[in-house]
Amino acid sequence: MVRFASLLIFCLLCLGCAQIGSITGGSKDTIAPRIKGSNPMDGALNVQTRQIEIEFDEFVALQKPNENIVLLPSNVSYETRLVNKTLFIDLEQELEVNTTYSLYLNEAVKDITEGNDTLIQLVFSTGFELDSNEVFFQISDAYTNAPIQDATVGLFDSLAQNKPIYFSKTNEKGFAKLRAIADGSYFYAVFLDENKNNISDPDEAQFATMSPIHIDTNYTDTLHCKLSIPLMKKSPTQMEFIASHILALRKPSFLSFDEFYANEVDLTQLPTTQMNDDSIHYYLPTYYESLQIAVDTLKKKVRNEYPEAAITSLTLVKKFVLLPDSCCVRINFDRRIDSVKNEGLRIFLPVDSSLIALDLGVLLLKNALNIELGAAEFDRAILKIDSGAIIGINGSVNEAMDFVLQRKNSESLGDLNVAGYSSANKYFISLFKSEKLIDKRVDLTGNVNVSFNELIPGDYDVFLVEDKNNNGIWDSFDPETYTAPEKRFSLGRKVRVKANFEHEIEIRTPE
């Protein structure tokens, strides 16, 4: 018997929308339309019809029915019409014999008040048997490990297919069920269908496998998938201007490209600054209203929302803290530094209302200065930077700056000890505060114990990250090689570091 078709699920997702207009107000309608009855009924056998009727429990509106109503196998064309609460689907061809059909209303039906929608599936067979196999999915975010709602899960006959032959969507806990599946071998993929085309596009979070699974009545596995944005090499979607002359690449999976051009300018040859753990700033030699980005064979246009302005000043972007044992202080600026005039930087100790000069050294670190404080011991000092002492790219210079360096004492800081097991793979541990990378320890194996000392009190995020390629950053899903995203483990909560306290945490990883 020839069998095709698709899953059966009633995934009624509750989506909150605007409040119903009323003089006296009223409660929100958060319930998507439900099926009151249908002909044929869900699960019906020996169906012989040229018309499908679906009655809903409330008045509804259709949204792009030609795109969002899907009948699989897709060899039948049809017309749709809505009469009161009933949707009529008129088939223009006879249905094939001994075939299981799945009708999907993929966000095609909305209630007329709040606009709540859902994925609805109606399954029936033209024969005496109904394909009855089921597959369960559990989907979570590869970076945060949180469950993902409204992710599309699909089965495919081949890797060359771009639309699934069976599909469903995950609920608020990240679970999805595909049912009414015929015996056979299938590839599977998961993606966030942001443009509603039922296709896994390159710039959407996704996961896929190049190894098929065989599904029959004995298949009982739940497929656990980690969803992530593909390699930026394939889709530079997170490009944006952050200043008139600065282009930012957000959270790339790796930090180098074979070909990377913007308006015929080779971005790989421009000055850059790596910010935190996962973003790069590119400093452009001139002003562009927009850039046509080319990464290998893909192209993306990025508009500059900032007005053209001369780059005349360097701006301090991060305050510094002088720790008890610090022999230097780092000053970060908003763009890359080209050179520095050491004689324009001086440090003084306030003694008896006067200033005593100290020797210092200056180390240039891309967009930062590392200022060596010398051997003198002090709790408080004054750092003076003359105007024009620091020269950034594009000819930018600093304004005169005076800073008070107040050394923290040990009692005002806290320590954090992190234990974890990393098996035989390479791992690294990264420490974040307010989504900024504070510290990272790389090249870890086995039972790891890492100490982060002299931390400013506050809430921190700690991650134990698989690093299979030993590149020191977290790699997302690679759609070219079908390489799964690297595993990332955490406590699932922030760690509060208190002053004068030593904290102990353990990050557990699955065996």
Protein backbone atom coordinates (compact mmCIF):
# COMPACT_ATOMS: atom_id res chain seq x y z
CA MET A 1 0.00 0.00 0.00
CA VAL A 2 1.25 3.39 -0.92
CA ARG A 3 1.53 5.55 2.13
CA PHE A 4 2.30 9.20 2.39
CA ALA A 5 1.57 11.94 4.74
CA SER A 6 1.97 13.47 7.95
CA LEU A 7 1.68 13.93 11.58
CA LEU A 8 -1.34 14.27 13.77
CA ILE A 9 -1.29 16.73 16.56
CA PHE A 10 -3.53 19.27 18.02
CA CYS A 11 -0.98 21.78 19.14
CA LEU A 12 -3.15 24.53 20.51
CA LEU A 13 -0.71 27.15 21.63
CA CYS A 14 -2.03 29.93 23.78
CA LEU A 15 -0.81 33.29 22.52
CA GLY A 16 -1.63 36.47 24.38
CA CYS A 17 -2.69 39.32 22.18
CA ALA A 18 -4.39 42.70 22.41
CA GLN A 19 -7.35 43.21 24.75
CA ILE A 20 -10.87 43.09 23.30
CA GLY A 21 -12.21 46.58 22.74
CA SER A 22 -15.06 47.37 25.10
CA ILE A 23 -16.38 50.33 27.05
CA THR A 24 -16.19 48.40 30.30
CA GLY A 25 -13.05 46.43 29.41
CA GLY A 26 -12.88 42.66 29.62
CA SER A 27 -10.55 39.74 29.89
CA LYS A 28 -8.22 38.65 27.12
CA ASP A 29 -9.14 35.82 24.81
CA THR A 30 -5.98 33.74 24.82
CA ILE A 31 -7.49 30.54 23.44
CA ALA A 32 -6.94 29.69 19.80
CA PRO A 33 -9.89 28.47 17.73
CA ARG A 34 -10.83 24.83 18.31
CA ILE A 35 -12.39 22.32 15.95
CA LYS A 36 -16.01 21.61 16.87
CA GLY A 37 -16.49 19.02 14.15
CA SER A 38 -15.18 17.95 10.76
CA ASN A 39 -16.06 15.89 7.73
CA PRO A 40 -14.12 13.66 7.36
CA MET A 41 -13.43 13.23 11.04
CA ASP A 42 -9.90 13.07 12.35
CA GLY A 43 -8.66 9.50 11.95
CA ALA A 44 -11.42 8.53 9.48
CA LEU A 45 -10.89 5.56 7.14
CA ASN A 46 -12.12 4.79 3.62
CA VAL A 47 -12.70 8.46 2.86
CA GLN A 48 -14.14 9.25 -0.58
CA THR A 49 -14.75 12.97 -0.93
CA ARG A 50 -14.00 16.07 -2.94
CA GLN A 51 -14.77 18.44 -0.06
CA ILE A 52 -13.38 18.82 3.47
CA GLU A 53 -15.46 20.68 6.07
CA ILE A 54 -14.11 21.99 9.37
CA GLU A 55 -16.41 23.73 11.86
CA PHE A 56 -14.81 25.89 14.58
CA ASP A 57 -16.11 26.86 18.01
CA GLU A 58 -15.93 30.58 17.22
CA PHE A 59 -15.91 32.94 14.26
CA VAL A 60 -12.55 32.87 12.52
CA ALA A 61 -10.60 34.62 9.81
CA LEU A 62 -8.29 33.08 7.24
CA GLN A 63 -4.72 34.27 6.86
CA LYS A 64 -2.97 33.47 3.57
CA PRO A 65 -4.84 30.18 3.08
CA ASN A 66 -2.98 29.34 -0.13
CA GLU A 67 0.31 29.42 1.81
CA ASN A 68 -0.73 28.23 5.26
CA ILE A 69 -3.14 25.41 4.41
CA VAL A 70 -1.13 22.35 3.45
CA LEU A 71 -2.52 19.01 2.25
CA LEU A 72 0.02 16.19 2.10
CA PRO A 73 0.73 14.36 -0.16
CA SER A 74 0.79 17.63 -2.09
CA ASN A 75 -0.51 16.35 -5.42
CA VAL A 76 -4.00 17.76 -4.87
CA SER A 77 -4.91 21.37 -5.59
CA TYR A 78 -7.86 22.98 -3.86
CA GLU A 79 -9.88 26.13 -3.21
CA THR A 80 -10.93 27.44 0.20
CA ARG A 81 -13.97 29.39 1.40
CA LEU A 82 -15.23 30.41 4.80
CA VAL A 83 -18.94 30.42 5.67
CA ASN A 84 -19.73 31.65 9.18
CA LYS A 85 -17.73 29.31 11.46
CA THR A 86 -17.11 26.61 8.83
CA LEU A 87 -14.09 26.27 6.54
CA PHE A 88 -14.73 24.49 3.23
CA ILE A 89 -11.81 23.04 1.25
CA ASP A 90 -12.90 22.04 -2.25
CA LEU A 91 -10.55 19.51 -3.88
CA GLU A 92 -9.94 19.85 -7.60
CA GLN A 93 -8.73 16.24 -8.07
CA GLU A 94 -9.70 12.84 -6.77
CA LEU A 95 -7.74 11.57 -3.77
CA GLU A 96 -5.38 8.66 -4.33
CA VAL A 97 -6.51 5.26 -3.13
CA ASN A 98 -5.05 3.59 -0.04
CA THR A 99 -3.30 6.78 1.02
CA THR A 100 -3.05 8.55 4.37
CA TYR A 101 -3.57 12.30 4.05
CA SER A 102 -2.69 15.04 6.49
CA LEU A 103 -4.30 18.45 6.33
CA TYR A 104 -2.37 21.19 8.14
CA LEU A 105 -3.82 24.54 9.07
CA ASN A 106 -0.46 26.16 9.78
CA GLU A 107 -1.46 29.47 11.40
CA ALA A 108 -4.07 29.84 8.66
CA VAL A 109 -6.99 30.18 11.07
CA LYS A 110 -7.22 33.05 13.57
CA ASP A 111 -10.00 34.18 15.85
CA ILE A 112 -11.42 37.52 14.76
CA THR A 113 -11.00 39.26 18.14
CA GLU A 114 -7.52 38.62 19.51
CA GLY A 115 -5.95 37.03 16.45
CA ASN A 116 -4.88 33.85 18.27
CA ASP A 117 -3.75 31.13 15.91
CA THR A 118 -2.49 27.59 16.07
CA LEU A 119 -1.24 24.59 14.12
CA ILE A 120 -4.11 22.21 13.48
CA GLN A 121 -3.80 18.83 11.78
CA LEU A 122 -6.53 16.60 10.44
CA VAL A 123 -5.57 13.06 9.38
CA PHE A 124 -7.64 10.61 7.33
CA SER A 125 -7.11 7.68 4.95
CA THR A 126 -8.70 6.72 1.66
CA GLY A 127 -8.02 3.07 2.51
CA PHE A 128 -8.82 0.75 5.39
CA GLU A 129 -5.62 1.51 7.28
CA LEU A 130 -4.15 4.69 8.76
CA ASP A 131 -0.43 5.26 9.09
CA SER A 132 0.02 5.19 12.85
CA ASN A 133 3.72 5.66 13.72
CA GLU A 134 4.71 8.46 16.11
CA VAL A 135 7.88 10.45 16.78
CA PHE A 136 8.50 12.68 19.79
CA PHE A 137 10.85 15.68 19.90
CA GLN A 138 12.25 17.74 22.76
CA ILE A 139 13.80 21.03 21.61
CA SER A 140 15.95 23.41 23.62
CA ASP A 141 18.26 26.34 22.98
CA ALA A 142 21.86 25.19 22.53
CA TYR A 143 23.21 28.34 24.15
CA THR A 144 20.85 28.74 27.12
CA ASN A 145 19.43 25.19 27.38
CA ALA A 146 15.96 26.71 27.78
CA PRO A 147 13.01 25.00 26.02
CA ILE A 148 11.98 26.57 22.71
CA GLN A 149 8.33 27.15 21.90
CA ASP A 150 6.93 27.30 18.34
CA ALA A 151 9.93 25.60 16.76
CA THR A 152 9.01 23.65 13.61
CA VAL A 153 10.04 19.99 13.66
CA GLY A 154 9.90 18.08 10.40
CA LEU A 155 10.70 14.81 8.66
CA PHE A 156 12.13 14.65 5.12
CA ASP A 157 12.56 11.94 2.51
CA SER A 158 16.00 13.29 1.55
CA LEU A 159 18.52 15.97 2.40
CA ALA A 160 17.65 17.71 -0.86
CA GLN A 161 14.11 18.47 0.30
CA ASN A 162 13.44 21.97 1.59
CA LYS A 163 9.93 21.37 2.95
CA PRO A 164 9.02 18.62 5.41
CA ILE A 165 6.52 15.89 4.56
CA TYR A 166 5.57 15.63 8.24
CA PHE A 167 5.79 18.55 10.64
CA SER A 168 4.56 19.98 13.92
CA LYS A 169 5.47 22.73 16.37
CA THR A 170 6.78 22.62 19.90
CA ASN A 171 4.74 23.64 22.93
CA GLU A 172 5.87 25.92 25.78
CA LYS A 173 7.95 23.08 27.25
CA GLY A 174 9.74 22.42 23.96
CA PHE A 175 7.90 19.14 23.19
CA ALA A 176 6.35 18.16 19.87
CA LYS A 177 4.72 14.99 18.58
CA LEU A 178 4.54 13.85 14.97
CA ARG A 179 1.95 11.14 14.29
CA ALA A 180 0.36 9.24 11.43
CA ILE A 181 3.77 8.54 9.92
CA ALA A 182 4.28 5.78 7.38
CA ASP A 183 6.99 3.15 7.83
CA GLY A 184 10.25 4.34 6.32
CA SER A 185 13.59 6.10 6.76
CA TYR A 186 13.56 9.87 7.29
CA PHE A 187 15.89 12.76 7.87
CA TYR A 188 14.78 15.28 10.45
CA ALA A 189 15.33 18.98 11.02
CA VAL A 190 14.23 21.61 13.51
CA PHE A 191 14.05 25.33 12.80
CA LEU A 192 12.46 28.59 13.91
CA ASP A 193 10.27 29.45 10.96
CA GLU A 194 10.35 33.23 11.47
CA ASN A 195 9.22 34.07 7.94
CA LYS A 196 6.41 31.44 8.01
CA ASN A 197 7.46 29.70 4.79
CA ASN A 198 7.79 26.23 6.34
CA ILE A 199 11.40 26.10 5.10
CA SER A 200 14.61 26.03 7.11
CA ASP A 201 16.32 29.21 5.90
CA PRO A 202 20.06 29.88 6.45
CA ASP A 203 19.60 32.76 8.89
CA GLU A 204 17.10 30.95 11.14
CA ALA A 205 18.02 29.01 14.23
CA GLN A 206 18.14 25.40 13.19
CA PHE A 207 19.37 21.86 13.69
CA ALA A 208 19.44 18.96 11.24
CA THR A 209 20.93 15.51 10.85
CA MET A 210 22.53 13.86 7.86
CA SER A 211 21.86 10.37 9.23
CA PRO A 212 18.33 9.07 8.63
CA ILE A 213 16.22 7.35 11.27
CA HIS A 214 14.01 4.35 10.49
CA ILE A 215 10.50 4.72 11.82
CA ASP A 216 8.07 1.84 12.31
CA THR A 217 5.82 0.54 15.07
CA ASN A 218 8.89 -0.33 17.19
CA TYR A 219 10.32 3.20 17.19
CA THR A 220 10.07 4.69 20.69
CA ASP A 221 12.94 7.19 20.91
CA THR A 222 12.47 10.85 21.84
CA LEU A 223 14.72 13.02 19.69
CA HIS A 224 16.52 15.68 21.74
CA CYS A 225 17.72 18.58 19.60
CA LYS A 226 19.70 21.71 20.44
CA LEU A 227 18.71 24.66 18.29
CA SER A 228 21.15 27.42 17.35
CA ILE A 229 21.87 30.06 14.72
CA PRO A 230 24.08 28.54 11.98
CA LEU A 231 27.67 29.59 11.34
CA MET A 232 27.99 33.25 10.53
CA LYS A 233 30.03 32.24 7.51
CA LYS A 234 26.79 31.05 6.01
CA SER A 235 24.58 33.91 7.09
CA PRO A 236 25.94 37.22 8.43
CA THR A 237 22.56 38.22 9.85
CA GLN A 238 23.88 39.79 13.01
CA MET A 239 25.71 42.63 11.32
CA GLU A 240 24.87 46.15 12.43
CA PHE A 241 26.35 49.62 12.73
CA ILE A 242 27.02 50.71 16.32
CA ALA A 243 28.54 54.06 15.35
CA SER A 244 28.97 56.03 12.15
CA HIS A 245 32.24 54.22 11.31
CA ILE A 246 31.98 50.99 13.32
CA LEU A 247 30.40 47.77 12.04
CA ALA A 248 29.67 45.06 14.62
CA LEU A 249 29.43 41.33 14.01
CA ARG A 250 27.41 39.85 16.84
CA LYS A 251 28.06 36.37 18.23
CA PRO A 252 29.77 34.69 15.28
CA SER A 253 30.50 31.01 15.59
CA PHE A 254 34.05 31.65 14.51
CA LEU A 255 36.08 34.76 14.04
CA SER A 256 37.66 34.41 10.59
CA PHE A 257 36.35 34.16 7.05
CA ASP A 258 37.76 33.04 3.73
CA GLU A 259 36.08 35.91 1.91
CA PHE A 260 34.49 38.84 3.68
CA TYR A 261 33.78 42.01 1.68
CA ALA A 262 31.74 45.17 2.15
CA ASN A 263 31.32 47.44 -0.89
CA GLU A 264 34.44 45.89 -2.43
CA VAL A 265 36.43 46.56 0.77
CA ASP A 266 38.12 43.47 2.21
CA LEU A 267 36.95 43.49 5.83
CA THR A 268 39.55 40.90 6.75
CA GLN A 269 42.21 43.61 6.25
CA LEU A 270 40.54 46.27 8.42
CA PRO A 271 41.41 47.00 12.04
CA THR A 272 39.21 45.02 14.40
CA THR A 273 38.57 44.61 18.08
CA GLN A 274 37.15 41.45 19.60
CA MET A 275 34.66 42.45 22.26
CA ASN A 276 33.85 40.03 25.06
CA ASP A 277 33.82 36.46 23.86
CA ASP A 278 31.68 36.55 20.84
CA SER A 279 31.57 39.79 18.85
CA ILE A 280 33.90 41.76 16.60
CA HIS A 281 34.03 45.48 15.79
CA TYR A 282 35.24 46.50 12.32
CA TYR A 283 36.55 50.07 11.94
CA LEU A 284 35.68 51.45 8.51
CA PRO A 285 38.00 53.93 6.76
CA THR A 286 35.12 56.08 5.50
CA TYR A 287 31.41 56.68 6.00
CA TYR A 288 28.86 54.41 4.30
CA GLU A 289 25.09 54.90 4.23
CA SER A 290 24.82 51.16 3.67
CA LEU A 291 27.07 48.20 3.12
CA GLN A 292 26.61 45.21 0.84
CA ILE A 293 28.20 42.43 2.88
CA ALA A 294 29.48 39.40 0.98
CA VAL A 295 30.48 36.31 2.94
CA ASP A 296 31.59 33.60 0.55
CA THR A 297 28.55 33.17 -1.72
CA LEU A 298 25.97 34.92 0.46
CA LYS A 299 25.15 38.61 0.50
CA LYS A 300 23.45 40.88 3.01
CA LYS A 301 22.72 44.60 2.99
CA VAL A 302 23.30 46.53 6.23
CA ARG A 303 22.00 50.09 6.59
CA ASN A 304 23.78 52.75 8.62
CA GLU A 305 21.29 54.50 10.90
CA TYR A 306 23.95 56.87 12.26
CA PRO A 307 24.52 60.29 10.66
CA GLU A 308 27.87 61.03 9.10
CA ALA A 309 30.18 62.57 11.65
CA ALA A 310 33.87 63.16 11.91
CA ILE A 311 35.64 60.82 14.29
CA THR A 312 37.32 63.31 16.57
CA SER A 313 37.30 61.79 20.04
CA LEU A 314 37.96 58.56 21.86
CA THR A 315 35.38 57.70 24.46
CA LEU A 316 35.94 55.68 27.59
CA VAL A 317 33.52 52.74 27.55
CA LYS A 318 34.42 50.74 30.63
CA LYS A 319 35.35 51.85 34.11
CA PHE A 320 38.21 50.11 35.77
CA VAL A 321 38.61 48.65 39.21
CA LEU A 322 41.97 48.47 40.95
CA LEU A 323 42.13 45.15 42.77
CA PRO A 324 44.25 44.59 45.90
CA ASP A 325 47.21 43.02 44.11
CA SER A 326 46.86 44.93 40.86
CA CYS A 327 50.05 46.25 39.38
CA CYS A 328 48.28 47.71 36.35
CA VAL A 329 44.98 49.18 35.25
CA ARG A 330 43.25 48.75 31.87
CA ILE A 331 41.35 51.56 30.18
CA ASN A 332 39.01 50.58 27.36
CA PHE A 333 37.88 52.92 24.57
CA ASP A 334 35.09 52.75 22.00
CA ARG A 335 37.39 52.11 19.07
CA ARG A 336 40.77 50.73 18.19
CA ILE A 337 43.86 52.68 19.27
CA ASP A 338 46.53 53.32 16.67
CA SER A 339 49.27 54.79 18.90
CA VAL A 340 49.90 56.42 22.28
CA LYS A 341 52.27 59.17 23.48
CA ASN A 342 53.66 57.76 26.72
CA GLU A 343 54.78 61.20 27.93
CA GLY A 344 51.14 62.29 27.92
CA LEU A 345 50.20 59.79 30.63
CA ARG A 346 51.21 60.43 34.26
CA ILE A 347 50.27 59.03 37.64
CA PHE A 348 50.44 60.88 40.94
CA LEU A 349 50.13 60.05 44.63
CA PRO A 350 48.33 62.64 46.74
CA VAL A 351 50.62 63.39 49.71
CA ASP A 352 50.06 66.33 52.05
CA SER A 353 47.78 68.03 49.50
CA SER A 354 50.49 67.77 46.86
CA LEU A 355 51.08 65.35 44.00
CA ILE A 356 54.10 63.06 43.72
CA ALA A 357 54.76 61.67 40.23
CA LEU A 358 55.39 57.95 39.74
CA ASP A 359 56.93 56.07 36.86
CA LEU A 360 54.58 54.02 34.79
CA GLY A 361 54.62 51.90 31.66
CA VAL A 362 52.02 51.80 28.90
CA LEU A 363 51.09 48.73 26.86
CA LEU A 364 48.85 49.14 23.80
CA LEU A 365 46.15 46.44 23.48
CA LYS A 366 43.98 47.15 20.43
CA ASN A 367 41.16 49.25 21.93
CA ALA A 368 42.66 49.40 25.42
CA LEU A 369 45.65 50.70 27.34
CA ASN A 370 47.32 48.59 29.98
CA ILE A 371 48.99 51.05 32.34
CA GLU A 372 51.71 49.58 34.54
CA LEU A 373 51.66 51.27 37.95
CA GLY A 374 55.19 50.41 39.03
CA ALA A 375 56.28 49.06 42.40
CA ALA A 376 54.80 51.76 44.62
CA GLU A 377 52.16 50.71 47.10
CA PHE A 378 49.17 52.97 47.42
CA ASP A 379 45.45 52.90 48.13
CA ARG A 380 44.63 55.98 46.09
CA ALA A 381 46.26 57.64 43.10
CA ILE A 382 45.43 60.08 40.30
CA LEU A 383 45.93 59.20 36.64
CA LYS A 384 46.25 62.15 34.24
CA ILE A 385 46.01 61.73 30.47
CA ASP A 386 46.79 64.76 28.34
CA SER A 387 44.62 65.76 25.40
CA GLY A 388 45.77 64.04 22.21
CA ALA A 389 47.96 61.52 24.03
CA ILE A 390 45.95 58.62 22.62
CA ILE A 391 45.41 58.39 18.88
CA GLY A 392 42.73 56.10 17.53
CA ILE A 393 42.16 54.87 14.02
CA ASN A 394 40.65 57.35 11.58
CA GLY A 395 42.60 60.11 13.35
CA SER A 396 40.48 60.18 16.50
CA VAL A 397 42.10 61.50 19.68
CA ASN A 398 41.19 61.65 23.36
CA GLU A 399 40.18 64.61 25.43
CA ALA A 400 42.09 65.43 28.61
CA MET A 401 41.17 62.97 31.36
CA ASP A 402 41.78 62.73 35.10
CA PHE A 403 40.97 59.52 36.96
CA VAL A 404 41.03 58.64 40.62
CA LEU A 405 42.40 55.13 41.15
CA GLN A 406 40.90 53.73 44.35
CA ARG A 407 42.28 50.36 45.28
CA LYS A 408 39.75 47.83 46.48
CA ASN A 409 40.54 45.95 49.67
CA SER A 410 40.22 42.18 49.90
CA GLU A 411 37.32 42.39 52.35
CA SER A 412 35.18 44.17 49.76
CA LEU A 413 35.62 41.41 47.14
CA GLY A 414 34.58 37.77 46.82
CA ASP A 415 35.94 34.51 45.38
CA LEU A 416 34.20 31.89 43.26
CA ASN A 417 35.39 28.30 42.92
CA VAL A 418 33.89 26.26 40.08
CA ALA A 419 34.07 22.47 39.88
CA GLY A 420 32.93 20.40 36.93
CA TYR A 421 33.56 17.23 35.00
CA SER A 422 34.47 17.51 31.35
CA SER A 423 35.13 13.85 30.38
CA ALA A 424 37.69 13.35 27.63
CA ASN A 425 36.71 16.42 25.61
CA LYS A 426 38.26 19.83 25.79
CA TYR A 427 36.22 22.40 27.69
CA PHE A 428 36.45 25.98 28.82
CA ILE A 429 34.76 27.85 31.66
CA SER A 430 33.55 31.39 31.05
CA LEU A 431 32.37 33.90 33.64
CA PHE A 432 29.88 36.63 32.71
CA LYS A 433 28.52 39.64 34.59
CA SER A 434 25.70 41.69 33.05
CA GLU A 435 26.20 39.67 29.83
CA LYS A 436 29.85 40.78 29.61
CA LEU A 437 32.70 38.31 29.67
CA ILE A 438 34.73 38.79 32.84
CA ASP A 439 37.16 35.88 32.65
CA LYS A 440 37.66 32.59 30.85
CA ARG A 441 39.76 29.48 31.49
CA VAL A 442 40.46 27.31 28.45
CA ASP A 443 41.97 23.95 27.57
CA LEU A 444 40.34 22.05 30.44
CA THR A 445 39.89 18.28 30.66
CA GLY A 446 38.82 15.77 33.29
CA ASN A 447 37.75 16.93 36.73
CA VAL A 448 38.19 20.69 36.66
CA ASN A 449 38.48 23.10 39.56
CA VAL A 450 38.78 26.74 38.59
CA SER A 451 39.03 29.72 40.93
CA PHE A 452 37.93 33.24 40.05
CA ASN A 453 39.39 35.49 42.72
CA GLU A 454 38.79 39.08 43.80
CA LEU A 455 35.42 39.48 42.10
CA ILE A 456 33.33 42.58 42.55
CA PRO A 457 30.14 41.58 44.43
CA GLY A 458 27.14 40.94 42.22
CA ASP A 459 25.37 38.33 40.11
CA TYR A 460 27.41 36.18 37.71
CA ASP A 461 26.69 33.58 35.03
CA VAL A 462 29.07 30.62 34.80
CA PHE A 463 29.21 28.26 31.82
CA LEU A 464 31.12 25.03 31.20
CA VAL A 465 31.42 24.84 27.41
CA GLU A 466 32.41 21.93 25.23
CA ASP A 467 35.27 22.90 22.92
CA LYS A 468 35.75 20.00 20.50
CA ASN A 469 37.77 22.01 17.98
CA ASN A 470 39.78 23.72 20.75
CA ASN A 471 39.21 27.22 19.38
CA GLY A 472 38.21 28.79 22.70
CA ILE A 473 34.71 29.88 21.64
CA TRP A 474 31.29 28.26 21.51
CA ASP A 475 30.42 26.93 18.03
CA SER A 476 26.82 26.73 16.87
CA PHE A 477 25.26 24.31 14.38
CA ASP A 478 27.08 24.06 11.04
CA PRO A 479 24.56 23.39 8.23
CA GLU A 480 27.32 22.51 5.76
CA THR A 481 28.78 19.61 7.74
CA TYR A 482 25.70 18.96 9.91
CA THR A 483 27.92 19.35 12.95
CA ALA A 484 25.84 19.74 16.10
CA PRO A 485 26.36 22.82 18.29
CA GLU A 486 28.86 22.43 21.08
CA LYS A 487 27.38 21.63 24.47
CA ARG A 488 27.04 24.41 27.01
CA PHE A 489 26.26 23.70 30.65
CA SER A 490 25.35 25.99 33.53
CA LEU A 491 23.67 25.99 36.91
CA GLY A 492 20.51 27.33 35.32
CA ARG A 493 20.66 30.35 37.61
CA LYS A 494 22.90 33.29 38.47
CA VAL A 495 25.55 32.99 41.16
CA ARG A 496 25.52 35.81 43.69
CA VAL A 497 29.04 36.68 44.82
CA LYS A 498 29.21 38.43 48.21
CA ALA A 499 31.99 40.52 49.69
CA ASN A 500 34.57 38.74 51.83
CA PHE A 501 33.07 35.35 50.99
CA GLU A 502 34.33 32.28 49.13
CA HIS A 503 31.64 30.59 47.04
CA GLU A 504 31.68 26.97 45.86
CA ILE A 505 29.61 25.74 42.91
CA GLU A 506 29.55 22.58 40.81
CA ILE A 507 28.36 22.33 37.22
CA ARG A 508 27.19 18.82 36.42
CA THR A 509 27.30 17.44 32.90
CA PRO A 510 25.44 14.41 31.57
CA GLU A 511 27.46 11.21 31.36
